[in-house]
Amino acid sequence: MSDAALVEIRDYLVSRIVEAENEGWLGEVERLQVSLAGAENEIKKLESSPRGSTLPGIPDVPSSRPRRSGL
């Protein structure tokens, strides 16, 4: 998932938390806060990972084919 998509999800969760607080939906506030923490954690992981890596959580595995030099 891209940084932009996660930021959009985070912003949506923040607005939903405000709505739930205004409506007095305490259980919903708690659930949304858990989701928000997860989204923020993923954003931090993406921001700290080197660009060009594959997918978060999936290691980059080098090719098993030997490289030819001089071609």
N, C-alpha and C. Protein backbone atom coordinates (compact mmCIF):
# COMPACT_ATOMS: atom_id res chain seq x y z
N MET A 1 0.86 -1.17 0.00
CA MET A 1 0.00 0.00 0.00
C MET A 1 0.91 1.23 0.00
N SER A 2 0.51 2.25 -0.74
CA SER A 2 1.35 3.44 -0.87
C SER A 2 1.24 4.34 0.35
N ASP A 3 2.24 5.21 0.48
CA ASP A 3 2.23 6.20 1.56
C ASP A 3 0.96 7.05 1.49
N ALA A 4 0.61 7.48 0.29
CA ALA A 4 -0.55 8.36 0.11
C ALA A 4 -1.84 7.67 0.55
N ALA A 5 -1.98 6.40 0.22
CA ALA A 5 -3.19 5.67 0.62
C ALA A 5 -3.27 5.54 2.13
N LEU A 6 -2.13 5.26 2.77
CA LEU A 6 -2.13 5.13 4.23
C LEU A 6 -2.41 6.47 4.91
N VAL A 7 -1.90 7.54 4.35
CA VAL A 7 -2.17 8.87 4.91
C VAL A 7 -3.66 9.18 4.78
N GLU A 8 -4.23 8.82 3.64
CA GLU A 8 -5.67 9.04 3.44
C GLU A 8 -6.49 8.23 4.45
N ILE A 9 -6.10 6.99 4.69
CA ILE A 9 -6.78 6.15 5.68
C ILE A 9 -6.64 6.76 7.07
N ARG A 10 -5.43 7.20 7.40
CA ARG A 10 -5.20 7.82 8.70
C ARG A 10 -6.09 9.05 8.90
N ASP A 11 -6.14 9.90 7.89
CA ASP A 11 -6.96 11.11 7.99
C ASP A 11 -8.44 10.76 8.15
N TYR A 12 -8.89 9.75 7.45
CA TYR A 12 -10.28 9.31 7.56
C TYR A 12 -10.56 8.80 8.98
N LEU A 13 -9.64 8.01 9.52
CA LEU A 13 -9.82 7.49 10.87
C LEU A 13 -9.88 8.62 11.90
N VAL A 14 -9.04 9.64 11.72
CA VAL A 14 -9.06 10.78 12.64
C VAL A 14 -10.43 11.46 12.60
N SER A 15 -10.97 11.66 11.40
CA SER A 15 -12.29 12.31 11.30
C SER A 15 -13.39 11.43 11.90
N ARG A 16 -13.28 10.12 11.73
CA ARG A 16 -14.25 9.21 12.32
C ARG A 16 -14.16 9.22 13.85
N ILE A 17 -12.95 9.35 14.39
CA ILE A 17 -12.78 9.42 15.85
C ILE A 17 -13.47 10.66 16.39
N VAL A 18 -13.28 11.78 15.71
CA VAL A 18 -13.93 13.03 16.14
C VAL A 18 -15.44 12.85 16.12
N GLU A 19 -15.97 12.27 15.06
CA GLU A 19 -17.41 12.02 14.96
C GLU A 19 -17.90 11.12 16.10
N ALA A 20 -17.17 10.03 16.33
CA ALA A 20 -17.57 9.09 17.38
C ALA A 20 -17.52 9.74 18.77
N GLU A 21 -16.52 10.58 19.00
CA GLU A 21 -16.44 11.28 20.28
C GLU A 21 -17.63 12.24 20.44
N ASN A 22 -17.95 12.95 19.37
CA ASN A 22 -19.09 13.89 19.41
C ASN A 22 -20.41 13.17 19.66
N GLU A 23 -20.53 11.97 19.15
CA GLU A 23 -21.76 11.19 19.30
C GLU A 23 -21.79 10.37 20.60
N GLY A 24 -20.65 10.32 21.29
CA GLY A 24 -20.58 9.56 22.54
C GLY A 24 -20.45 8.06 22.34
N TRP A 25 -19.93 7.65 21.19
CA TRP A 25 -19.77 6.23 20.88
C TRP A 25 -18.39 5.77 21.38
N LEU A 26 -18.29 5.53 22.67
CA LEU A 26 -16.99 5.26 23.29
C LEU A 26 -16.34 3.98 22.76
N GLY A 27 -17.14 2.94 22.56
CA GLY A 27 -16.58 1.69 22.03
C GLY A 27 -16.03 1.88 20.63
N GLU A 28 -16.73 2.66 19.83
CA GLU A 28 -16.27 2.95 18.47
C GLU A 28 -14.99 3.77 18.50
N VAL A 29 -14.90 4.71 19.44
CA VAL A 29 -13.68 5.51 19.58
C VAL A 29 -12.49 4.59 19.84
N GLU A 30 -12.66 3.66 20.75
CA GLU A 30 -11.57 2.73 21.08
C GLU A 30 -11.15 1.90 19.87
N ARG A 31 -12.12 1.37 19.15
CA ARG A 31 -11.81 0.55 17.96
C ARG A 31 -11.09 1.38 16.90
N LEU A 32 -11.56 2.59 16.68
CA LEU A 32 -10.94 3.45 15.69
C LEU A 32 -9.52 3.85 16.09
N GLN A 33 -9.30 4.05 17.40
CA GLN A 33 -7.96 4.40 17.87
C GLN A 33 -6.97 3.25 17.65
N VAL A 34 -7.45 2.03 17.80
CA VAL A 34 -6.59 0.87 17.52
C VAL A 34 -6.23 0.84 16.04
N SER A 35 -7.21 1.07 15.19
CA SER A 35 -6.96 1.10 13.75
C SER A 35 -6.02 2.24 13.38
N LEU A 36 -6.22 3.39 14.01
CA LEU A 36 -5.36 4.55 13.75
C LEU A 36 -3.91 4.24 14.14
N ALA A 37 -3.72 3.61 15.28
CA ALA A 37 -2.36 3.25 15.72
C ALA A 37 -1.71 2.32 14.70
N GLY A 38 -2.47 1.38 14.17
CA GLY A 38 -1.93 0.47 13.15
C GLY A 38 -1.55 1.20 11.88
N ALA A 39 -2.40 2.12 11.44
CA ALA A 39 -2.11 2.89 10.23
C ALA A 39 -0.87 3.76 10.42
N GLU A 40 -0.77 4.41 11.58
CA GLU A 40 0.40 5.25 11.85
C GLU A 40 1.67 4.41 11.93
N ASN A 41 1.58 3.21 12.47
CA ASN A 41 2.73 2.32 12.53
C ASN A 41 3.19 1.94 11.12
N GLU A 42 2.25 1.63 10.25
CA GLU A 42 2.59 1.28 8.86
C GLU A 42 3.22 2.46 8.14
N ILE A 43 2.70 3.66 8.38
CA ILE A 43 3.28 4.86 7.76
C ILE A 43 4.72 5.03 8.21
N LYS A 44 4.99 4.86 9.49
CA LYS A 44 6.35 4.99 10.01
C LYS A 44 7.28 3.95 9.39
N LYS A 45 6.77 2.71 9.24
CA LYS A 45 7.60 1.66 8.63
C LYS A 45 7.93 2.01 7.19
N LEU A 46 6.95 2.50 6.44
CA LEU A 46 7.20 2.86 5.05
C LEU A 46 8.16 4.04 4.95
N GLU A 47 8.02 5.01 5.84
CA GLU A 47 8.89 6.18 5.81
C GLU A 47 10.33 5.82 6.17
N SER A 48 10.51 4.81 7.00
CA SER A 48 11.87 4.45 7.42
C SER A 48 12.51 3.40 6.51
N SER A 49 11.73 2.78 5.63
CA SER A 49 12.30 1.76 4.74
C SER A 49 12.94 2.42 3.53
N PRO A 50 13.98 1.80 3.00
CA PRO A 50 14.62 2.36 1.81
C PRO A 50 13.67 2.28 0.62
N ARG A 51 13.68 3.30 -0.20
CA ARG A 51 12.83 3.31 -1.39
C ARG A 51 13.31 2.25 -2.36
N GLY A 52 12.37 1.69 -3.09
CA GLY A 52 12.73 0.68 -4.07
C GLY A 52 12.69 -0.72 -3.52
N SER A 53 12.41 -0.87 -2.24
CA SER A 53 12.28 -2.23 -1.71
C SER A 53 10.98 -2.83 -2.21
N THR A 54 10.81 -4.10 -2.04
CA THR A 54 9.62 -4.76 -2.55
C THR A 54 8.42 -4.38 -1.72
N LEU A 55 7.80 -5.28 -1.07
CA LEU A 55 6.62 -5.00 -0.25
C LEU A 55 7.00 -5.00 1.21
N PRO A 56 6.31 -4.18 2.02
CA PRO A 56 6.62 -4.19 3.45
C PRO A 56 6.42 -5.58 4.04
N GLY A 57 7.40 -6.02 4.81
CA GLY A 57 7.30 -7.32 5.45
C GLY A 57 7.79 -8.47 4.60
N ILE A 58 8.11 -8.22 3.34
CA ILE A 58 8.60 -9.28 2.46
C ILE A 58 10.05 -8.95 2.11
N PRO A 59 11.00 -9.80 2.52
CA PRO A 59 12.40 -9.49 2.26
C PRO A 59 12.74 -9.57 0.78
N ASP A 60 13.72 -8.79 0.37
CA ASP A 60 14.21 -8.82 -0.99
C ASP A 60 15.16 -10.00 -1.11
N VAL A 61 14.84 -10.95 -1.97
CA VAL A 61 15.65 -12.16 -2.13
C VAL A 61 16.46 -12.02 -3.41
N PRO A 62 17.78 -12.12 -3.31
CA PRO A 62 18.59 -12.01 -4.52
C PRO A 62 18.35 -13.17 -5.47
N SER A 63 18.60 -12.93 -6.72
CA SER A 63 18.42 -13.97 -7.74
C SER A 63 19.39 -15.12 -7.49
N SER A 64 18.93 -16.33 -7.76
CA SER A 64 19.79 -17.50 -7.56
C SER A 64 20.67 -17.76 -8.76
N ARG A 65 20.42 -17.05 -9.87
CA ARG A 65 21.25 -17.21 -11.07
C ARG A 65 22.58 -16.49 -10.89
N PRO A 66 23.67 -17.12 -11.30
CA PRO A 66 24.96 -16.44 -11.21
C PRO A 66 25.00 -15.28 -12.22
N ARG A 67 25.67 -14.22 -11.84
CA ARG A 67 25.79 -13.07 -12.73
C ARG A 67 26.99 -13.28 -13.64
N ARG A 68 26.81 -12.89 -14.88
CA ARG A 68 27.92 -12.98 -15.85
C ARG A 68 28.59 -11.63 -15.94
N SER A 69 29.87 -11.65 -15.88
CA SER A 69 30.60 -10.40 -16.02
C SER A 69 31.15 -10.29 -17.43
N GLY A 70 31.35 -9.08 -17.89
CA GLY A 70 31.95 -8.85 -19.18
C GLY A 70 30.99 -8.96 -20.34
N LEU A 71 29.70 -8.99 -20.11
CA LEU A 71 28.76 -9.05 -21.25
C LEU A 71 28.18 -7.72 -21.53
